[in-house]
PDB file of N, CA and C in Angstrom:
ATOM      1  N   MET A   1       0.846  -1.171   0.000  1.00  0.00           N
ATOM      2  CA  MET A   1       0.000   0.000   0.000  1.00  0.00           C
ATOM      3  C   MET A   1       0.894   1.239   0.000  1.00  0.00           C
ATOM      4  N   ILE A   2       0.501   2.228  -0.760  1.00  0.00           N
ATOM      5  CA  ILE A   2       1.223   3.501  -0.805  1.00  0.00           C
ATOM      6  C   ILE A   2       0.351   4.567  -0.167  1.00  0.00           C
ATOM      7  N   TYR A   3       0.951   5.354   0.695  1.00  0.00           N
ATOM      8  CA  TYR A   3       0.238   6.442   1.358  1.00  0.00           C
ATOM      9  C   TYR A   3       0.990   7.738   1.099  1.00  0.00           C
ATOM     10  N   PHE A   4       0.297   8.733   0.575  1.00  0.00           N
ATOM     11  CA  PHE A   4       0.880  10.054   0.351  1.00  0.00           C
ATOM     12  C   PHE A   4       0.476  10.951   1.513  1.00  0.00           C
ATOM     13  N   SER A   5       1.450  11.425   2.261  1.00  0.00           N
ATOM     14  CA  SER A   5       1.136  12.292   3.402  1.00  0.00           C
ATOM     15  C   SER A   5       1.071  13.759   3.001  1.00  0.00           C
ATOM     16  N   ALA A   6       1.677  14.107   1.885  1.00  0.00           N
ATOM     17  CA  ALA A   6       1.637  15.489   1.395  1.00  0.00           C
ATOM     18  C   ALA A   6       1.761  15.442  -0.121  1.00  0.00           C
ATOM     19  N   VAL A   7       1.019  16.273  -0.770  1.00  0.00           N
ATOM     20  CA  VAL A   7       1.024  16.313  -2.224  1.00  0.00           C
ATOM     21  C   VAL A   7       1.482  17.692  -2.662  1.00  0.00           C
ATOM     22  N   GLY A   8       2.387  17.729  -3.602  1.00  0.00           N
ATOM     23  CA  GLY A   8       2.795  18.999  -4.189  1.00  0.00           C
ATOM     24  C   GLY A   8       2.061  19.194  -5.503  1.00  0.00           C
ATOM     25  N   MET A   9       1.535  20.371  -5.709  1.00  0.00           N
ATOM     26  CA  MET A   9       0.814  20.649  -6.949  1.00  0.00           C
ATOM     27  C   MET A   9       1.243  21.995  -7.502  1.00  0.00           C
ATOM     28  N   LEU A  10       1.237  22.065  -8.816  1.00  0.00           N
ATOM     29  CA  LEU A  10       1.567  23.280  -9.535  1.00  0.00           C
ATOM     30  C   LEU A  10       0.774  23.220 -10.827  1.00  0.00           C
ATOM     31  N   ASN A  11      -0.147  24.144 -11.025  1.00  0.00           N
ATOM     32  CA  ASN A  11      -0.972  24.102 -12.223  1.00  0.00           C
ATOM     33  C   ASN A  11      -1.520  25.493 -12.543  1.00  0.00           C
ATOM     34  N   ALA A  12      -2.464  25.564 -13.451  1.00  0.00           N
ATOM     35  CA  ALA A  12      -3.008  26.848 -13.892  1.00  0.00           C
ATOM     36  C   ALA A  12      -3.795  27.572 -12.804  1.00  0.00           C
ATOM     37  N   LEU A  13      -4.109  26.882 -11.711  1.00  0.00           N
ATOM     38  CA  LEU A  13      -4.817  27.532 -10.604  1.00  0.00           C
ATOM     39  C   LEU A  13      -3.871  28.206  -9.621  1.00  0.00           C
ATOM     40  N   GLY A  14      -2.611  27.792  -9.591  1.00  0.00           N
ATOM     41  CA  GLY A  14      -1.668  28.402  -8.662  1.00  0.00           C
ATOM     42  C   GLY A  14      -0.416  27.579  -8.462  1.00  0.00           C
ATOM     43  N   ASN A  15       0.483  28.120  -7.632  1.00  0.00           N
ATOM     44  CA  ASN A  15       1.788  27.510  -7.424  1.00  0.00           C
ATOM     45  C   ASN A  15       1.952  26.847  -6.062  1.00  0.00           C
ATOM     46  N   SER A  16       0.887  26.768  -5.284  1.00  0.00           N
ATOM     47  CA  SER A  16       0.934  26.098  -3.983  1.00  0.00           C
ATOM     48  C   SER A  16      -0.449  25.526  -3.688  1.00  0.00           C
ATOM     49  N   LEU A  17      -0.517  24.620  -2.726  1.00  0.00           N
ATOM     50  CA  LEU A  17      -1.816  24.040  -2.366  1.00  0.00           C
ATOM     51  C   LEU A  17      -2.783  25.108  -1.869  1.00  0.00           C
ATOM     52  N   ASP A  18      -2.279  26.070  -1.096  1.00  0.00           N
ATOM     53  CA  ASP A  18      -3.146  27.143  -0.595  1.00  0.00           C
ATOM     54  C   ASP A  18      -3.682  28.003  -1.735  1.00  0.00           C
ATOM     55  N   ASP A  19      -2.813  28.376  -2.681  1.00  0.00           N
ATOM     56  CA  ASP A  19      -3.251  29.172  -3.836  1.00  0.00           C
ATOM     57  C   ASP A  19      -4.286  28.416  -4.664  1.00  0.00           C
ATOM     58  N   ILE A  20      -4.014  27.143  -4.913  1.00  0.00           N
ATOM     59  CA  ILE A  20      -4.918  26.331  -5.727  1.00  0.00           C
ATOM     60  C   ILE A  20      -6.280  26.206  -5.058  1.00  0.00           C
ATOM     61  N   ALA A  21      -6.302  25.924  -3.763  1.00  0.00           N
ATOM     62  CA  ALA A  21      -7.573  25.798  -3.042  1.00  0.00           C
ATOM     63  C   ALA A  21      -8.343  27.111  -3.061  1.00  0.00           C
ATOM     64  N   ALA A  22      -7.660  28.223  -2.789  1.00  0.00           N
ATOM     65  CA  ALA A  22      -8.332  29.527  -2.769  1.00  0.00           C
ATOM     66  C   ALA A  22      -8.875  29.886  -4.144  1.00  0.00           C
ATOM     67  N   ASN A  23      -8.092  29.670  -5.189  1.00  0.00           N
ATOM     68  CA  ASN A  23      -8.542  30.008  -6.540  1.00  0.00           C
ATOM     69  C   ASN A  23      -9.646  29.078  -7.013  1.00  0.00           C
ATOM     70  N   LEU A  24      -9.620  27.834  -6.590  1.00  0.00           N
ATOM     71  CA  LEU A  24     -10.684  26.897  -6.944  1.00  0.00           C
ATOM     72  C   LEU A  24     -12.009  27.343  -6.339  1.00  0.00           C
ATOM     73  N   VAL A  25     -11.986  27.760  -5.084  1.00  0.00           N
ATOM     74  CA  VAL A  25     -13.200  28.239  -4.415  1.00  0.00           C
ATOM     75  C   VAL A  25     -13.706  29.526  -5.070  1.00  0.00           C
ATOM     76  N   ARG A  26     -12.788  30.400  -5.456  1.00  0.00           N
ATOM     77  CA  ARG A  26     -13.159  31.684  -6.068  1.00  0.00           C
ATOM     78  C   ARG A  26     -13.551  31.547  -7.533  1.00  0.00           C
ATOM     79  N   GLY A  27     -13.239  30.415  -8.145  1.00  0.00           N
ATOM     80  CA  GLY A  27     -13.505  30.253  -9.569  1.00  0.00           C
ATOM     81  C   GLY A  27     -12.538  31.055 -10.419  1.00  0.00           C
ATOM     82  N   TYR A  28     -11.319  31.226  -9.939  1.00  0.00           N
ATOM     83  CA  TYR A  28     -10.308  32.045 -10.597  1.00  0.00           C
ATOM     84  C   TYR A  28      -9.144  31.161 -11.033  1.00  0.00           C
ATOM     85  N   ALA A  29      -8.787  31.207 -12.298  1.00  0.00           N
ATOM     86  CA  ALA A  29      -7.681  30.407 -12.822  1.00  0.00           C
ATOM     87  C   ALA A  29      -6.706  31.335 -13.541  1.00  0.00           C
ATOM     88  N   PRO A  30      -5.747  31.909 -12.807  1.00  0.00           N
ATOM     89  CA  PRO A  30      -4.856  32.902 -13.401  1.00  0.00           C
ATOM     90  C   PRO A  30      -3.989  32.374 -14.538  1.00  0.00           C
ATOM     91  N   GLY A  31      -3.780  31.073 -14.604  1.00  0.00           N
ATOM     92  CA  GLY A  31      -2.937  30.519 -15.655  1.00  0.00           C
ATOM     93  C   GLY A  31      -3.676  30.138 -16.924  1.00  0.00           C
ATOM     94  N   MET A  32      -4.985  30.272 -16.953  1.00  0.00           N
ATOM     95  CA  MET A  32      -5.748  29.926 -18.156  1.00  0.00           C
ATOM     96  C   MET A  32      -5.749  31.116 -19.107  1.00  0.00           C
ATOM     97  N   ARG A  33      -5.338  30.850 -20.354  1.00  0.00           N
ATOM     98  CA  ARG A  33      -5.247  31.924 -21.344  1.00  0.00           C
ATOM     99  C   ARG A  33      -5.808  31.458 -22.682  1.00  0.00           C
ATOM    100  N   PRO A  34      -6.433  32.371 -23.414  1.00  0.00           N
ATOM    101  CA  PRO A  34      -6.903  31.998 -24.749  1.00  0.00           C
ATOM    102  C   PRO A  34      -5.711  31.830 -25.695  1.00  0.00           C
ATOM    103  N   ALA A  35      -5.823  30.886 -26.602  1.00  0.00           N
ATOM    104  CA  ALA A  35      -4.769  30.650 -27.592  1.00  0.00           C
ATOM    105  C   ALA A  35      -5.420  30.344 -28.932  1.00  0.00           C
ATOM    106  N   ALA A  36      -4.920  30.972 -29.970  1.00  0.00           N
ATOM    107  CA  ALA A  36      -5.485  30.759 -31.300  1.00  0.00           C
ATOM    108  C   ALA A  36      -4.568  29.922 -32.186  1.00  0.00           C
ATOM    109  N   ASP A  37      -3.423  29.513 -31.686  1.00  0.00           N
ATOM    110  CA  ASP A  37      -2.459  28.806 -32.528  1.00  0.00           C
ATOM    111  C   ASP A  37      -2.303  27.321 -32.190  1.00  0.00           C
ATOM    112  N   TRP A  38      -3.196  26.759 -31.397  1.00  0.00           N
ATOM    113  CA  TRP A  38      -3.078  25.352 -31.020  1.00  0.00           C
ATOM    114  C   TRP A  38      -3.970  24.430 -31.850  1.00  0.00           C
ATOM    115  N   LEU A  39      -5.076  24.922 -32.331  1.00  0.00           N
ATOM    116  CA  LEU A  39      -6.020  24.094 -33.075  1.00  0.00           C
ATOM    117  C   LEU A  39      -5.968  24.428 -34.559  1.00  0.00           C
ATOM    118  N   THR A  40      -6.347  23.474 -35.379  1.00  0.00           N
ATOM    119  CA  THR A  40      -6.381  23.719 -36.814  1.00  0.00           C
ATOM    120  C   THR A  40      -7.584  24.572 -37.177  1.00  0.00           C
ATOM    121  N   GLY A  41      -7.536  25.163 -38.330  1.00  0.00           N
ATOM    122  CA  GLY A  41      -8.662  25.942 -38.823  1.00  0.00           C
ATOM    123  C   GLY A  41      -8.828  27.289 -38.147  1.00  0.00           C
ATOM    124  N   GLY A  42      -7.810  27.758 -37.426  1.00  0.00           N
ATOM    125  CA  GLY A  42      -7.895  29.062 -36.782  1.00  0.00           C
ATOM    126  C   GLY A  42      -8.829  29.114 -35.585  1.00  0.00           C
ATOM    127  N   ARG A  43      -9.250  27.950 -35.094  1.00  0.00           N
ATOM    128  CA  ARG A  43     -10.127  27.934 -33.919  1.00  0.00           C
ATOM    129  C   ARG A  43      -9.329  28.259 -32.666  1.00  0.00           C
ATOM    130  N   SER A  44      -9.968  28.914 -31.733  1.00  0.00           N
ATOM    131  CA  SER A  44      -9.284  29.249 -30.483  1.00  0.00           C
ATOM    132  C   SER A  44      -9.710  28.281 -29.381  1.00  0.00           C
ATOM    133  N   CYS A  45      -8.893  28.227 -28.354  1.00  0.00           N
ATOM    134  CA  CYS A  45      -9.180  27.386 -27.196  1.00  0.00           C
ATOM    135  C   CYS A  45      -8.498  28.011 -25.981  1.00  0.00           C
ATOM    136  N   TRP A  46      -8.718  27.427 -24.826  1.00  0.00           N
ATOM    137  CA  TRP A  46      -8.070  27.889 -23.597  1.00  0.00           C
ATOM    138  C   TRP A  46      -6.950  26.921 -23.249  1.00  0.00           C
ATOM    139  N   ILE A  47      -5.801  27.466 -22.874  1.00  0.00           N
ATOM    140  CA  ILE A  47      -4.620  26.678 -22.532  1.00  0.00           C
ATOM    141  C   ILE A  47      -4.194  27.025 -21.109  1.00  0.00           C
ATOM    142  N   GLY A  48      -3.871  26.015 -20.312  1.00  0.00           N
ATOM    143  CA  GLY A  48      -3.386  26.247 -18.954  1.00  0.00           C
ATOM    144  C   GLY A  48      -1.878  26.452 -18.944  1.00  0.00           C
ATOM    145  N   HIS A  49      -1.433  27.545 -18.336  1.00  0.00           N
ATOM    146  CA  HIS A  49      -0.010  27.876 -18.223  1.00  0.00           C
ATOM    147  C   HIS A  49       0.401  27.872 -16.757  1.00  0.00           C
ATOM    148  N   VAL A  50       1.643  27.528 -16.505  1.00  0.00           N
ATOM    149  CA  VAL A  50       2.237  27.646 -15.174  1.00  0.00           C
ATOM    150  C   VAL A  50       3.304  28.724 -15.272  1.00  0.00           C
ATOM    151  N   ASP A  51       3.170  29.750 -14.455  1.00  0.00           N
ATOM    152  CA  ASP A  51       4.059  30.902 -14.548  1.00  0.00           C
ATOM    153  C   ASP A  51       5.181  30.905 -13.515  1.00  0.00           C
ATOM    154  N   ASP A  52       5.436  29.798 -12.868  1.00  0.00           N
ATOM    155  CA  ASP A  52       6.466  29.738 -11.839  1.00  0.00           C
ATOM    156  C   ASP A  52       7.748  29.148 -12.419  1.00  0.00           C
ATOM    157  N   GLU A  53       8.873  29.504 -11.834  1.00  0.00           N
ATOM    158  CA  GLU A  53      10.163  28.949 -12.245  1.00  0.00           C
ATOM    159  C   GLU A  53      10.331  27.551 -11.651  1.00  0.00           C
ATOM    160  N   LEU A  54      11.007  26.693 -12.388  1.00  0.00           N
ATOM    161  CA  LEU A  54      11.310  25.362 -11.880  1.00  0.00           C
ATOM    162  C   LEU A  54      12.510  25.442 -10.946  1.00  0.00           C
ATOM    163  N   PRO A  55      12.490  24.689  -9.844  1.00  0.00           N
ATOM    164  CA  PRO A  55      13.647  24.701  -8.941  1.00  0.00           C
ATOM    165  C   PRO A  55      14.830  23.981  -9.588  1.00  0.00           C
ATOM    166  N   PRO A  56      16.045  24.309  -9.173  1.00  0.00           N
ATOM    167  CA  PRO A  56      17.215  23.608  -9.732  1.00  0.00           C
ATOM    168  C   PRO A  56      17.238  22.148  -9.279  1.00  0.00           C
ATOM    169  N   LEU A  57      17.755  21.297 -10.138  1.00  0.00           N
ATOM    170  CA  LEU A  57      17.898  19.882  -9.797  1.00  0.00           C
ATOM    171  C   LEU A  57      19.264  19.636  -9.168  1.00  0.00           C
ATOM    172  N   PRO A  58      19.363  18.652  -8.281  1.00  0.00           N
ATOM    173  CA  PRO A  58      20.676  18.282  -7.747  1.00  0.00           C
ATOM    174  C   PRO A  58      21.591  17.796  -8.879  1.00  0.00           C
ATOM    175  N   ALA A  59      22.890  17.946  -8.706  1.00  0.00           N
ATOM    176  CA  ALA A  59      23.866  17.594  -9.744  1.00  0.00           C
ATOM    177  C   ALA A  59      23.731  16.143 -10.202  1.00  0.00           C
ATOM    178  N   GLU A  60      23.412  15.226  -9.298  1.00  0.00           N
ATOM    179  CA  GLU A  60      23.329  13.808  -9.682  1.00  0.00           C
ATOM    180  C   GLU A  60      22.161  13.520 -10.629  1.00  0.00           C
ATOM    181  N   LEU A  61      21.220  14.443 -10.736  1.00  0.00           N
ATOM    182  CA  LEU A  61      20.089  14.262 -11.652  1.00  0.00           C
ATOM    183  C   LEU A  61      20.258  15.043 -12.949  1.00  0.00           C
ATOM    184  N   ALA A  62      21.408  15.671 -13.153  1.00  0.00           N
ATOM    185  CA  ALA A  62      21.649  16.497 -14.338  1.00  0.00           C
ATOM    186  C   ALA A  62      21.370  15.775 -15.660  1.00  0.00           C
ATOM    187  N   PRO A  63      21.689  14.479 -15.799  1.00  0.00           N
ATOM    188  CA  PRO A  63      21.392  13.807 -17.068  1.00  0.00           C
ATOM    189  C   PRO A  63      19.891  13.750 -17.392  1.00  0.00           C
ATOM    190  N   HIS A  64      19.056  13.960 -16.398  1.00  0.00           N
ATOM    191  CA  HIS A  64      17.610  13.872 -16.589  1.00  0.00           C
ATOM    192  C   HIS A  64      16.939  15.245 -16.568  1.00  0.00           C
ATOM    193  N   ASN A  65      17.731  16.306 -16.661  1.00  0.00           N
ATOM    194  CA  ASN A  65      17.205  17.665 -16.554  1.00  0.00           C
ATOM    195  C   ASN A  65      16.521  18.093 -17.847  1.00  0.00           C
ATOM    196  N   SER A  66      15.223  17.952 -17.883  1.00  0.00           N
ATOM    197  CA  SER A  66      14.425  18.430 -19.009  1.00  0.00           C
ATOM    198  C   SER A  66      13.071  18.873 -18.476  1.00  0.00           C
ATOM    199  N   ARG A  67      12.392  19.713 -19.223  1.00  0.00           N
ATOM    200  CA  ARG A  67      11.072  20.187 -18.797  1.00  0.00           C
ATOM    201  C   ARG A  67      10.120  19.005 -18.616  1.00  0.00           C
ATOM    202  N   ASN A  68      10.250  18.009 -19.459  1.00  0.00           N
ATOM    203  CA  ASN A  68       9.379  16.843 -19.390  1.00  0.00           C
ATOM    204  C   ASN A  68       9.559  16.066 -18.085  1.00  0.00           C
ATOM    205  N   ASN A  69      10.774  16.022 -17.562  1.00  0.00           N
ATOM    206  CA  ASN A  69      11.049  15.252 -16.351  1.00  0.00           C
ATOM    207  C   ASN A  69      10.824  16.033 -15.074  1.00  0.00           C
ATOM    208  N   ARG A  70      10.380  17.228 -15.170  1.00  0.00           N
ATOM    209  CA  ARG A  70      10.164  18.028 -13.976  1.00  0.00           C
ATOM    210  C   ARG A  70       8.727  17.936 -13.569  1.00  0.00           C
TER     211      ARG A  70
END
């Protein structure tokens, strides 16, 4: 069995659990932005952005340092 005692989250609602909870209750998503260049045919949609910087990785993980692995 796996038990998570604390969860870290970072998404279009905020950069911390407190921010995400507060923005979820308020119905506010600061990272959601309209985009017209993601869909074909010139259709627009909403895209979720994260505006926070990624923390540095320890040196031993340098070979795996990519946006995808963060």
